[in-house]
N, C-alpha and C. Protein backbone atom coordinates (compact mmCIF):
# COMPACT_ATOMS: atom_id res chain seq x y z
N MET A 1 -5.92 18.95 -8.08
CA MET A 1 -6.81 19.31 -6.96
C MET A 1 -7.56 18.07 -6.43
N ILE A 2 -7.50 17.84 -5.05
CA ILE A 2 -8.11 16.68 -4.51
C ILE A 2 -9.66 16.77 -4.53
N SER A 3 -10.17 15.67 -4.96
CA SER A 3 -11.62 15.69 -5.03
C SER A 3 -12.31 15.66 -3.73
N PHE A 4 -13.40 16.46 -3.55
CA PHE A 4 -14.12 16.54 -2.31
C PHE A 4 -14.74 15.11 -1.97
N LEU A 5 -15.18 14.36 -3.01
CA LEU A 5 -15.74 13.06 -2.68
C LEU A 5 -14.69 12.11 -2.22
N LEU A 6 -13.50 12.11 -2.77
CA LEU A 6 -12.39 11.28 -2.35
C LEU A 6 -12.01 11.52 -0.91
N LEU A 7 -12.06 12.83 -0.55
CA LEU A 7 -11.86 13.21 0.87
C LEU A 7 -12.76 12.55 1.76
N LEU A 8 -14.12 12.63 1.45
CA LEU A 8 -15.11 11.95 2.32
C LEU A 8 -14.98 10.46 2.37
N LEU A 9 -14.54 9.91 1.23
CA LEU A 9 -14.42 8.39 1.27
C LEU A 9 -13.20 8.07 2.12
N HIS A 10 -12.23 8.91 2.04
CA HIS A 10 -11.04 8.57 2.92
C HIS A 10 -11.22 8.74 4.43
N PHE A 11 -11.90 9.80 4.80
CA PHE A 11 -12.10 10.03 6.19
C PHE A 11 -13.44 9.51 6.73
N GLY A 12 -14.29 9.20 5.83
CA GLY A 12 -15.60 8.57 6.16
C GLY A 12 -16.32 9.30 7.33
N GLN A 13 -17.15 8.73 8.08
CA GLN A 13 -18.00 9.26 9.17
C GLN A 13 -17.14 9.62 10.38
N GLY A 14 -15.84 9.13 10.40
CA GLY A 14 -15.02 9.41 11.58
C GLY A 14 -14.12 10.61 11.31
N GLY A 15 -14.36 11.30 10.10
CA GLY A 15 -13.46 12.40 9.76
C GLY A 15 -13.63 13.58 10.74
N HIS A 16 -12.59 14.27 10.95
CA HIS A 16 -12.74 15.53 11.82
C HIS A 16 -11.60 16.47 11.43
N ILE A 17 -11.69 17.68 12.02
CA ILE A 17 -10.78 18.72 11.67
C ILE A 17 -9.31 18.30 11.82
N GLY A 18 -8.97 17.77 13.01
CA GLY A 18 -7.67 17.41 13.32
C GLY A 18 -6.93 16.44 12.28
N GLN A 19 -7.81 15.42 11.94
CA GLN A 19 -7.26 14.41 10.94
C GLN A 19 -7.11 15.00 9.55
N ALA A 20 -7.90 15.94 9.07
CA ALA A 20 -7.96 16.30 7.73
C ALA A 20 -7.07 17.55 7.43
N ARG A 21 -6.64 18.37 8.42
CA ARG A 21 -6.13 19.58 8.16
C ARG A 21 -4.81 19.55 7.32
N ASP A 22 -4.06 18.48 7.49
CA ASP A 22 -2.77 18.43 6.73
C ASP A 22 -2.93 18.16 5.25
N THR A 23 -4.05 17.60 4.94
CA THR A 23 -4.41 17.42 3.51
C THR A 23 -4.53 18.79 2.78
N TRP A 24 -4.95 19.83 3.42
CA TRP A 24 -5.24 21.16 2.78
C TRP A 24 -4.15 22.10 3.06
N LYS A 25 -3.17 21.80 3.82
CA LYS A 25 -2.12 22.73 4.19
C LYS A 25 -1.32 23.23 2.93
N PRO A 26 -1.07 22.31 1.93
CA PRO A 26 -0.31 22.69 0.78
C PRO A 26 -0.98 23.80 -0.03
N TYR A 27 -2.18 24.06 0.07
CA TYR A 27 -2.99 25.11 -0.60
C TYR A 27 -2.90 26.48 0.10
N TYR A 28 -2.29 26.55 1.34
CA TYR A 28 -2.23 27.72 2.08
C TYR A 28 -0.99 28.42 1.93
N LEU A 29 -1.01 29.73 1.78
CA LEU A 29 0.21 30.55 1.81
C LEU A 29 0.14 31.39 3.07
N ASP A 30 1.24 31.34 3.85
CA ASP A 30 1.33 32.12 5.10
C ASP A 30 1.85 33.50 4.74
N VAL A 31 0.98 34.39 4.36
CA VAL A 31 1.36 35.68 3.86
C VAL A 31 0.49 36.76 4.61
N GLN A 32 1.13 37.98 4.88
CA GLN A 32 0.45 38.96 5.62
C GLN A 32 -0.02 40.10 4.64
N PRO A 33 -1.18 40.61 4.86
CA PRO A 33 -1.68 41.81 4.06
C PRO A 33 -0.73 42.98 4.19
N ALA A 34 -0.60 43.77 3.08
CA ALA A 34 0.24 44.82 2.96
C ALA A 34 -0.36 45.98 3.75
N ALA A 35 -1.70 46.09 3.77
CA ALA A 35 -2.40 47.28 4.31
C ALA A 35 -3.53 46.75 5.22
N PRO A 36 -3.90 47.60 6.16
CA PRO A 36 -5.02 47.10 7.12
C PRO A 36 -6.28 47.42 6.45
N VAL A 37 -7.39 46.83 6.98
CA VAL A 37 -8.83 47.01 6.49
C VAL A 37 -9.21 48.45 6.79
N ASP A 38 -9.77 49.14 5.78
CA ASP A 38 -10.26 50.49 5.98
C ASP A 38 -11.77 50.63 5.77
N GLY A 39 -12.41 49.52 5.74
CA GLY A 39 -13.89 49.56 5.52
C GLY A 39 -14.33 48.13 5.08
N TRP A 40 -15.59 47.79 5.34
CA TRP A 40 -16.14 46.50 5.00
C TRP A 40 -17.31 46.74 4.02
N TYR A 41 -17.43 45.85 3.02
CA TYR A 41 -18.39 45.86 1.88
C TYR A 41 -19.01 44.53 1.80
N LEU A 42 -20.16 44.62 1.10
CA LEU A 42 -20.84 43.34 0.65
C LEU A 42 -19.98 42.63 -0.36
N PRO A 43 -19.95 41.20 -0.39
CA PRO A 43 -19.02 40.56 -1.31
C PRO A 43 -19.64 40.30 -2.64
N LEU A 44 -20.94 40.76 -2.95
CA LEU A 44 -21.60 40.62 -4.18
C LEU A 44 -21.94 42.05 -4.73
N ALA A 45 -22.07 42.10 -6.06
CA ALA A 45 -22.33 43.31 -6.74
C ALA A 45 -23.82 43.79 -6.22
N ALA A 46 -23.93 45.12 -6.02
CA ALA A 46 -25.17 45.72 -5.48
C ALA A 46 -25.15 47.19 -5.73
N PRO A 47 -26.19 47.92 -5.89
CA PRO A 47 -26.29 49.31 -6.13
C PRO A 47 -25.42 50.00 -5.08
N ASN A 48 -25.42 49.57 -3.89
CA ASN A 48 -24.56 50.14 -2.78
C ASN A 48 -23.99 48.97 -1.96
N ARG A 49 -22.74 48.65 -2.16
CA ARG A 49 -22.10 47.57 -1.34
C ARG A 49 -21.84 47.95 0.04
N ARG A 50 -22.05 49.19 0.39
CA ARG A 50 -21.97 49.58 1.84
C ARG A 50 -23.27 49.52 2.56
N ASP A 51 -24.30 48.92 1.85
CA ASP A 51 -25.63 48.74 2.43
C ASP A 51 -25.67 47.39 3.04
N PRO A 52 -25.72 47.12 4.33
CA PRO A 52 -25.77 45.83 4.93
C PRO A 52 -26.98 44.92 4.60
N LYS A 53 -28.00 45.61 4.09
CA LYS A 53 -29.17 44.93 3.68
C LYS A 53 -29.34 44.65 2.21
N GLY A 54 -28.24 44.85 1.49
CA GLY A 54 -28.29 44.80 0.03
C GLY A 54 -28.08 43.38 -0.54
N TYR A 55 -28.44 42.26 0.15
CA TYR A 55 -28.29 40.89 -0.30
C TYR A 55 -29.40 40.14 -0.01
N LYS A 56 -29.62 38.99 -0.59
CA LYS A 56 -30.72 37.94 -0.26
C LYS A 56 -30.07 36.89 0.55
N LEU A 57 -30.62 36.55 1.72
CA LEU A 57 -30.13 35.46 2.47
C LEU A 57 -30.80 34.10 2.00
N VAL A 58 -29.96 33.16 1.74
CA VAL A 58 -30.54 31.92 1.25
C VAL A 58 -30.62 30.86 2.32
N SER A 59 -29.52 30.85 3.17
CA SER A 59 -29.33 29.86 4.22
C SER A 59 -28.55 30.39 5.42
N ALA A 60 -28.96 30.16 6.65
CA ALA A 60 -28.41 30.86 7.83
C ALA A 60 -27.19 30.11 8.37
N PHE A 61 -26.46 30.86 9.08
CA PHE A 61 -25.29 30.27 9.88
C PHE A 61 -25.81 29.41 11.05
N GLY A 62 -25.01 28.26 11.19
CA GLY A 62 -25.21 27.40 12.21
C GLY A 62 -26.44 26.44 12.05
N ALA A 63 -26.98 26.40 10.92
CA ALA A 63 -28.07 25.47 10.53
C ALA A 63 -27.52 24.01 10.41
N PRO A 64 -28.36 22.96 10.78
CA PRO A 64 -27.85 21.54 10.73
C PRO A 64 -27.83 21.22 9.18
N ARG A 65 -26.89 20.43 8.79
CA ARG A 65 -26.75 19.89 7.41
C ARG A 65 -26.59 18.36 7.45
N GLN A 66 -27.32 17.76 6.50
CA GLN A 66 -27.26 16.29 6.37
C GLN A 66 -26.49 15.94 5.10
N SER A 67 -25.89 16.91 4.45
CA SER A 67 -24.87 16.60 3.39
C SER A 67 -23.52 16.40 3.93
N TYR A 68 -22.58 16.16 3.13
CA TYR A 68 -21.15 15.86 3.64
C TYR A 68 -21.22 14.85 4.75
N LEU A 69 -20.80 15.20 5.91
CA LEU A 69 -21.05 14.28 7.06
C LEU A 69 -22.30 14.59 7.68
N GLN A 70 -23.23 13.60 7.98
CA GLN A 70 -24.56 13.89 8.59
C GLN A 70 -24.28 14.52 9.92
N GLY A 71 -25.04 15.63 10.19
CA GLY A 71 -24.93 16.40 11.37
C GLY A 71 -23.96 17.55 11.31
N HIS A 72 -23.21 17.69 10.14
CA HIS A 72 -22.36 18.79 9.92
C HIS A 72 -23.15 20.09 10.16
N ILE A 73 -22.45 21.12 10.72
CA ILE A 73 -23.05 22.34 11.04
C ILE A 73 -22.67 23.44 9.92
N HIS A 74 -23.56 24.16 9.42
CA HIS A 74 -23.33 25.28 8.36
C HIS A 74 -22.50 26.34 8.97
N THR A 75 -21.31 26.46 8.44
CA THR A 75 -20.39 27.45 9.03
C THR A 75 -20.38 28.80 8.31
N ALA A 76 -21.41 29.03 7.50
CA ALA A 76 -21.37 30.28 6.65
C ALA A 76 -22.91 30.82 6.59
N ILE A 77 -23.04 31.88 5.86
CA ILE A 77 -24.46 32.09 5.26
C ILE A 77 -24.29 31.82 3.82
N ASP A 78 -25.34 31.30 3.25
CA ASP A 78 -25.44 31.33 1.77
C ASP A 78 -26.28 32.56 1.34
N MET A 79 -25.78 33.25 0.33
CA MET A 79 -26.32 34.60 -0.08
C MET A 79 -26.27 34.76 -1.57
N GLU A 80 -27.12 35.58 -2.01
CA GLU A 80 -27.07 35.84 -3.53
C GLU A 80 -27.53 37.33 -3.76
N PRO A 81 -27.23 37.85 -4.88
CA PRO A 81 -27.68 39.39 -5.11
C PRO A 81 -29.18 39.43 -5.00
N LYS A 82 -29.70 40.55 -4.49
CA LYS A 82 -31.15 40.80 -4.45
C LYS A 82 -31.79 40.77 -5.77
N GLN A 83 -31.03 41.37 -6.72
CA GLN A 83 -31.52 41.41 -8.17
C GLN A 83 -30.47 40.48 -8.95
N LYS A 84 -31.00 39.29 -9.27
CA LYS A 84 -30.10 38.36 -9.98
C LYS A 84 -30.31 38.45 -11.55
N ALA A 85 -29.34 39.07 -12.11
CA ALA A 85 -29.44 39.30 -13.56
C ALA A 85 -28.04 39.11 -14.24
N GLY A 86 -27.87 38.17 -15.11
CA GLY A 86 -26.61 37.97 -15.76
C GLY A 86 -25.61 37.32 -14.78
N THR A 87 -24.35 37.60 -15.00
CA THR A 87 -23.19 37.00 -14.23
C THR A 87 -23.05 37.64 -12.91
N ALA A 88 -23.02 36.82 -11.87
CA ALA A 88 -22.90 37.36 -10.48
C ALA A 88 -21.41 37.25 -10.13
N TYR A 89 -20.88 38.38 -9.88
CA TYR A 89 -19.26 38.39 -9.56
C TYR A 89 -19.18 38.60 -7.98
N VAL A 90 -18.00 38.06 -7.56
CA VAL A 90 -17.74 37.98 -6.16
C VAL A 90 -16.53 38.96 -5.98
N TYR A 91 -16.65 39.83 -4.81
CA TYR A 91 -15.61 40.76 -4.47
C TYR A 91 -15.05 40.62 -3.11
N PRO A 92 -13.98 41.05 -2.71
CA PRO A 92 -13.48 41.06 -1.34
C PRO A 92 -14.37 41.89 -0.44
N MET A 93 -14.62 41.46 0.82
CA MET A 93 -15.28 42.14 1.70
C MET A 93 -14.46 43.40 2.22
N ALA A 94 -13.19 43.30 2.08
CA ALA A 94 -12.24 44.35 2.60
C ALA A 94 -10.89 44.18 2.04
N ARG A 95 -9.97 45.09 2.20
CA ARG A 95 -8.57 44.84 1.80
C ARG A 95 -7.92 43.68 2.51
N GLY A 96 -7.04 42.96 1.69
CA GLY A 96 -6.55 41.75 2.31
C GLY A 96 -5.53 41.07 1.14
N VAL A 97 -5.30 39.90 1.46
CA VAL A 97 -4.36 39.16 0.60
C VAL A 97 -4.93 37.66 0.50
N VAL A 98 -4.89 37.16 -0.77
CA VAL A 98 -5.21 35.77 -0.96
C VAL A 98 -4.36 34.79 -0.29
N CYS A 99 -4.77 33.96 0.65
CA CYS A 99 -3.96 33.02 1.21
C CYS A 99 -4.28 31.51 0.92
N SER A 100 -5.39 31.26 0.31
CA SER A 100 -5.72 29.85 -0.13
C SER A 100 -6.75 29.83 -1.15
N VAL A 101 -6.50 29.03 -2.27
CA VAL A 101 -7.40 28.60 -3.25
C VAL A 101 -7.57 27.13 -3.32
N HIS A 102 -8.57 26.55 -2.89
CA HIS A 102 -8.66 25.12 -2.76
C HIS A 102 -10.06 24.54 -3.19
N LEU A 103 -10.09 23.24 -3.25
CA LEU A 103 -11.25 22.51 -3.77
C LEU A 103 -11.52 22.69 -5.23
N GLY A 104 -12.15 21.82 -5.82
CA GLY A 104 -12.74 21.98 -7.30
C GLY A 104 -14.21 22.10 -7.29
N GLU A 105 -14.71 22.20 -8.56
CA GLU A 105 -16.14 22.37 -8.69
C GLU A 105 -16.92 21.21 -8.00
N PRO A 106 -18.06 21.47 -7.28
CA PRO A 106 -18.71 22.85 -7.30
C PRO A 106 -18.39 23.63 -6.06
N HIS A 107 -17.24 23.23 -5.31
CA HIS A 107 -16.94 23.79 -3.98
C HIS A 107 -15.65 24.70 -4.03
N ARG A 108 -15.28 25.12 -5.26
CA ARG A 108 -14.09 25.94 -5.39
C ARG A 108 -14.13 27.12 -4.48
N THR A 109 -13.07 27.43 -3.66
CA THR A 109 -12.99 28.38 -2.53
C THR A 109 -11.79 29.24 -2.69
N VAL A 110 -12.03 30.51 -2.37
CA VAL A 110 -10.91 31.50 -2.11
C VAL A 110 -11.02 32.02 -0.76
N VAL A 111 -9.82 32.10 -0.05
CA VAL A 111 -9.79 32.60 1.30
C VAL A 111 -8.88 33.93 1.34
N LEU A 112 -9.33 34.91 2.01
CA LEU A 112 -8.63 36.08 2.07
C LEU A 112 -8.18 36.30 3.62
N ARG A 113 -6.96 36.84 3.77
CA ARG A 113 -6.46 37.18 5.13
C ARG A 113 -6.56 38.60 5.22
N HIS A 114 -7.09 39.13 6.34
CA HIS A 114 -7.23 40.64 6.57
C HIS A 114 -6.49 41.00 7.85
N ARG A 115 -5.90 42.19 7.84
CA ARG A 115 -5.31 42.81 9.07
C ARG A 115 -6.20 43.92 9.46
N LEU A 116 -6.73 43.79 10.64
CA LEU A 116 -7.50 44.82 11.25
C LEU A 116 -6.72 45.97 11.79
N PRO A 117 -7.41 47.09 11.92
CA PRO A 117 -6.65 48.34 12.40
C PRO A 117 -5.88 48.07 13.73
N ASP A 118 -6.39 47.20 14.59
CA ASP A 118 -5.75 46.98 15.84
C ASP A 118 -4.73 45.79 15.77
N GLY A 119 -4.43 45.42 14.55
CA GLY A 119 -3.37 44.46 14.37
C GLY A 119 -3.75 42.94 14.40
N LYS A 120 -4.95 42.80 14.75
CA LYS A 120 -5.42 41.31 14.83
C LYS A 120 -5.77 40.86 13.35
N THR A 121 -5.89 39.56 13.18
CA THR A 121 -6.24 38.96 11.90
C THR A 121 -7.61 38.36 11.86
N LEU A 122 -8.16 38.44 10.65
CA LEU A 122 -9.50 37.86 10.40
C LEU A 122 -9.42 37.31 8.97
N PHE A 123 -10.13 36.27 8.72
CA PHE A 123 -10.26 35.68 7.39
C PHE A 123 -11.68 35.68 6.87
N THR A 124 -11.81 35.87 5.51
CA THR A 124 -13.12 35.66 4.91
C THR A 124 -12.91 34.60 3.80
N SER A 125 -13.99 33.83 3.63
CA SER A 125 -13.85 32.72 2.73
C SER A 125 -15.06 32.65 1.84
N TYR A 126 -14.76 32.44 0.48
CA TYR A 126 -15.79 32.53 -0.54
C TYR A 126 -15.86 31.29 -1.36
N LYS A 127 -17.07 30.60 -1.35
CA LYS A 127 -17.15 29.22 -1.85
C LYS A 127 -18.16 29.04 -2.91
N HIS A 128 -18.19 28.06 -3.73
CA HIS A 128 -19.13 27.79 -4.81
C HIS A 128 -18.80 28.72 -5.98
N LEU A 129 -17.51 28.82 -6.31
CA LEU A 129 -17.04 29.77 -7.40
C LEU A 129 -16.96 29.08 -8.70
N GLY A 130 -17.57 29.65 -9.78
CA GLY A 130 -17.53 29.06 -11.08
C GLY A 130 -16.12 29.29 -11.79
N GLU A 131 -15.58 30.47 -11.63
CA GLU A 131 -14.31 30.85 -12.13
C GLU A 131 -13.58 31.78 -11.10
N VAL A 132 -12.24 31.55 -10.94
CA VAL A 132 -11.53 32.28 -9.98
C VAL A 132 -10.50 33.13 -10.76
N TYR A 133 -10.36 34.44 -10.37
CA TYR A 133 -9.49 35.33 -11.20
C TYR A 133 -8.28 35.76 -10.39
N VAL A 134 -8.03 35.34 -9.17
CA VAL A 134 -6.91 35.60 -8.36
C VAL A 134 -6.13 34.39 -7.91
N LYS A 135 -4.91 34.56 -7.29
CA LYS A 135 -4.12 33.52 -6.97
C LYS A 135 -3.42 33.86 -5.60
N ASN A 136 -2.82 32.88 -4.91
CA ASN A 136 -2.21 32.98 -3.72
C ASN A 136 -1.12 34.03 -3.67
N GLY A 137 -1.19 34.94 -2.67
CA GLY A 137 -0.22 35.99 -2.45
C GLY A 137 -0.53 37.25 -3.09
N GLN A 138 -1.79 37.30 -3.87
CA GLN A 138 -2.22 38.46 -4.47
C GLN A 138 -2.90 39.46 -3.50
N GLU A 139 -2.44 40.71 -3.43
CA GLU A 139 -3.14 41.80 -2.78
C GLU A 139 -4.46 42.18 -3.41
N VAL A 140 -5.54 42.35 -2.57
CA VAL A 140 -6.81 42.65 -3.14
C VAL A 140 -7.39 43.78 -2.32
N ASP A 141 -8.42 44.46 -2.96
CA ASP A 141 -9.13 45.51 -2.27
C ASP A 141 -10.59 45.24 -2.60
N PRO A 142 -11.54 46.07 -2.08
CA PRO A 142 -13.03 45.76 -2.29
C PRO A 142 -13.38 45.75 -3.72
N ASP A 143 -12.64 46.36 -4.59
CA ASP A 143 -13.02 46.43 -5.95
C ASP A 143 -12.31 45.37 -6.95
N THR A 144 -11.53 44.55 -6.25
CA THR A 144 -10.91 43.44 -6.98
C THR A 144 -11.85 42.39 -7.39
N LYS A 145 -11.96 41.98 -8.61
CA LYS A 145 -12.96 40.88 -8.99
C LYS A 145 -12.29 39.51 -8.65
N LEU A 146 -12.82 38.83 -7.58
CA LEU A 146 -12.23 37.58 -7.07
C LEU A 146 -12.65 36.45 -8.05
N ALA A 147 -13.92 36.41 -8.35
CA ALA A 147 -14.48 35.24 -9.03
C ALA A 147 -15.85 35.51 -9.53
N ARG A 148 -16.49 34.46 -10.16
CA ARG A 148 -17.88 34.67 -10.48
C ARG A 148 -18.59 33.36 -9.88
N LEU A 149 -19.88 33.56 -9.58
CA LEU A 149 -20.68 32.33 -9.14
C LEU A 149 -20.96 31.48 -10.29
N HIS A 150 -21.46 30.26 -9.99
CA HIS A 150 -21.98 29.40 -10.99
C HIS A 150 -23.32 30.01 -11.58
N THR A 151 -23.61 29.86 -12.72
CA THR A 151 -24.98 30.09 -13.27
C THR A 151 -25.95 29.01 -12.85
N ARG A 152 -27.23 29.31 -12.96
CA ARG A 152 -28.18 28.34 -12.58
C ARG A 152 -28.03 27.06 -13.39
N GLU A 153 -27.74 27.24 -14.72
CA GLU A 153 -27.55 26.17 -15.59
C GLU A 153 -26.31 25.37 -15.29
N GLU A 154 -25.32 25.96 -14.90
CA GLU A 154 -24.06 25.26 -14.46
C GLU A 154 -24.30 24.39 -13.19
N ALA A 155 -25.08 25.01 -12.22
CA ALA A 155 -25.42 24.38 -11.02
C ALA A 155 -26.25 23.08 -11.21
N LYS A 156 -27.15 23.21 -12.24
CA LYS A 156 -27.97 22.04 -12.45
C LYS A 156 -27.08 20.85 -12.99
N LYS A 157 -26.20 21.28 -13.87
CA LYS A 157 -25.27 20.27 -14.47
C LYS A 157 -24.42 19.59 -13.40
N LEU A 158 -24.09 20.34 -12.39
CA LEU A 158 -23.28 19.92 -11.21
C LEU A 158 -24.11 19.14 -10.20
N GLY A 159 -25.37 19.09 -10.35
CA GLY A 159 -26.22 18.32 -9.52
C GLY A 159 -26.65 19.01 -8.22
N GLY A 160 -26.65 20.22 -8.15
CA GLY A 160 -27.09 20.83 -6.88
C GLY A 160 -27.38 22.42 -6.96
N LEU A 161 -27.71 22.96 -5.81
CA LEU A 161 -28.03 24.45 -5.78
C LEU A 161 -26.65 25.10 -5.47
N PHE A 162 -25.87 25.26 -6.47
CA PHE A 162 -24.55 25.86 -6.25
C PHE A 162 -24.39 27.25 -6.82
N ASP A 163 -25.58 27.84 -7.19
CA ASP A 163 -25.44 29.17 -7.73
C ASP A 163 -25.50 30.35 -6.78
N HIS A 164 -25.12 30.16 -5.53
CA HIS A 164 -25.12 31.18 -4.55
C HIS A 164 -23.75 31.23 -3.88
N LEU A 165 -23.41 32.23 -3.20
CA LEU A 165 -22.17 32.34 -2.46
C LEU A 165 -22.18 31.84 -0.98
N HIS A 166 -21.45 30.85 -0.70
CA HIS A 166 -21.18 30.37 0.69
C HIS A 166 -20.17 31.36 1.32
N LEU A 167 -20.53 32.14 2.18
CA LEU A 167 -19.54 33.18 2.73
C LEU A 167 -19.30 32.84 4.24
N GLU A 168 -18.01 32.71 4.53
CA GLU A 168 -17.58 32.58 5.95
C GLU A 168 -16.75 33.63 6.40
N VAL A 169 -17.06 34.00 7.70
CA VAL A 169 -16.03 34.92 8.40
C VAL A 169 -15.41 34.11 9.55
N ARG A 170 -14.02 34.09 9.40
CA ARG A 170 -13.36 33.08 10.20
C ARG A 170 -12.38 33.85 11.23
N LYS A 171 -12.41 33.29 12.40
CA LYS A 171 -11.48 33.84 13.43
C LYS A 171 -10.04 33.34 13.22
N LYS A 172 -9.90 32.14 12.61
CA LYS A 172 -8.58 31.56 12.34
C LYS A 172 -8.71 30.55 11.13
N PHE A 173 -7.56 30.24 10.69
CA PHE A 173 -7.48 29.35 9.54
C PHE A 173 -6.44 28.20 9.64
N ASP A 174 -6.25 27.77 10.90
CA ASP A 174 -5.25 26.62 11.10
C ASP A 174 -5.74 25.26 10.80
N ASP A 175 -6.99 25.16 10.31
CA ASP A 175 -7.60 24.00 9.69
C ASP A 175 -7.33 23.86 8.23
N TYR A 176 -6.87 25.01 7.65
CA TYR A 176 -6.56 25.13 6.18
C TYR A 176 -7.81 24.96 5.26
N GLY A 177 -9.12 24.97 5.90
CA GLY A 177 -10.26 25.00 5.15
C GLY A 177 -11.22 23.82 5.44
N CYS A 178 -10.63 22.81 6.09
CA CYS A 178 -11.48 21.66 6.27
C CYS A 178 -12.65 21.80 7.34
N ALA A 179 -12.50 22.76 8.24
CA ALA A 179 -13.56 23.09 9.24
C ALA A 179 -14.83 23.50 8.54
N SER A 180 -14.77 23.92 7.36
CA SER A 180 -15.90 24.34 6.60
C SER A 180 -16.89 23.12 6.39
N TRP A 181 -16.39 21.98 6.27
CA TRP A 181 -17.32 20.76 6.12
C TRP A 181 -17.19 19.72 7.24
N LEU A 182 -16.29 20.01 8.21
CA LEU A 182 -16.11 19.01 9.30
C LEU A 182 -16.49 19.52 10.64
N THR A 183 -17.09 20.61 10.69
CA THR A 183 -17.48 21.25 12.02
C THR A 183 -18.73 20.52 12.54
N MET A 184 -18.62 19.80 13.58
CA MET A 184 -19.69 18.91 14.04
C MET A 184 -20.31 19.33 15.37
N THR A 185 -19.69 20.38 16.00
CA THR A 185 -20.13 20.73 17.38
C THR A 185 -20.21 22.26 17.41
N ARG A 186 -21.08 22.78 18.43
CA ARG A 186 -21.09 24.28 18.61
C ARG A 186 -19.75 24.79 19.08
N THR A 187 -19.06 24.00 19.84
CA THR A 187 -17.83 24.49 20.33
C THR A 187 -16.79 24.71 19.19
N GLU A 188 -16.73 23.77 18.19
CA GLU A 188 -15.89 24.01 16.93
C GLU A 188 -16.38 25.23 16.13
N LEU A 189 -17.66 25.34 16.08
CA LEU A 189 -18.29 26.45 15.33
C LEU A 189 -17.81 27.89 15.96
N ASN A 190 -17.90 27.90 17.18
CA ASN A 190 -17.54 29.13 17.90
C ASN A 190 -16.03 29.32 17.92
N GLU A 191 -15.35 28.30 17.77
CA GLU A 191 -13.81 28.32 17.84
C GLU A 191 -13.31 28.96 16.55
N TYR A 192 -13.92 28.60 15.48
CA TYR A 192 -13.39 28.99 14.20
C TYR A 192 -14.19 30.13 13.45
N PHE A 193 -15.44 30.20 13.68
CA PHE A 193 -16.32 31.08 12.83
C PHE A 193 -17.10 32.12 13.57
N THR A 194 -17.48 33.21 12.88
CA THR A 194 -18.41 34.18 13.27
C THR A 194 -19.56 34.22 12.33
N ASP A 195 -20.77 34.54 12.86
CA ASP A 195 -21.96 34.56 11.91
C ASP A 195 -21.73 35.70 11.02
N PRO A 196 -21.61 35.46 9.74
CA PRO A 196 -21.46 36.46 8.65
C PRO A 196 -22.56 37.51 8.64
N ALA A 197 -23.77 37.00 8.88
CA ALA A 197 -24.95 38.01 8.78
C ALA A 197 -24.76 39.04 9.83
N ALA A 198 -24.46 38.62 11.09
CA ALA A 198 -24.23 39.54 12.25
C ALA A 198 -23.12 40.45 12.01
N PHE A 199 -21.98 39.82 11.39
CA PHE A 199 -20.75 40.63 11.04
C PHE A 199 -21.10 41.69 10.08
N ILE A 200 -21.85 41.40 9.03
CA ILE A 200 -22.29 42.41 8.00
C ILE A 200 -23.08 43.51 8.59
N THR A 201 -24.07 43.10 9.41
CA THR A 201 -24.84 44.13 10.17
C THR A 201 -24.07 44.99 10.86
N GLN A 202 -23.04 44.50 11.62
CA GLN A 202 -22.21 45.22 12.55
C GLN A 202 -21.23 46.20 11.88
N HIS A 203 -20.66 45.69 10.72
CA HIS A 203 -19.48 46.33 10.07
C HIS A 203 -19.69 47.07 8.79
N VAL A 204 -20.54 46.38 7.97
CA VAL A 204 -20.63 46.98 6.57
C VAL A 204 -21.29 48.30 6.68
N GLY A 205 -20.64 49.30 6.07
CA GLY A 205 -21.26 50.65 5.93
C GLY A 205 -20.92 51.45 7.21
N LYS A 206 -20.26 50.92 8.15
CA LYS A 206 -19.84 51.60 9.34
C LYS A 206 -18.37 51.97 9.26
N ASN A 207 -18.05 53.05 10.10
CA ASN A 207 -16.68 53.48 10.25
C ASN A 207 -15.91 52.52 11.03
N ASN A 208 -14.61 52.31 10.56
CA ASN A 208 -13.76 51.40 11.39
C ASN A 208 -13.34 52.05 12.74
């Protein structure tokens, strides 16, 4: 697995999505989900995963970031369970198929491809995973255990606050993952991503 640090050293401050995408293409499997989405759920364990308010927001979509490349835009929300006790597991937001598992600690990422009832495609991406239990091409549903988050102790050893879920809702995935850390403009943000908090409010617990 290519080191995230080596990637930054290679592309430096001039790195961008077009230059980096081919590095991550080998980790992508072009596969279609067998079944369409039949409902949306929170990606973390909760008393009711159909409750759109059942999580704690740590960091918002679109916030400026000085890590990675300075001026990078946060393409996700960072979230954690409202009640943090023991191991925090990560689940699919909906039916889909695993299309990418990339990066290493502490940025390990699983990406799911979803087929909407109208035939369109949407992707969800789950990052900062301590252990991954799925592989490319595997069909998943909302009850499939994808991964677990890092514990607070593991995050400290890794040198950062990596014990939360970085959740993306993606309109497309032709960057093969690198837009997650190379999005520098609002135009790129709107091209690739949707605000997951707004998506959860609009879709979780609602009828399709």
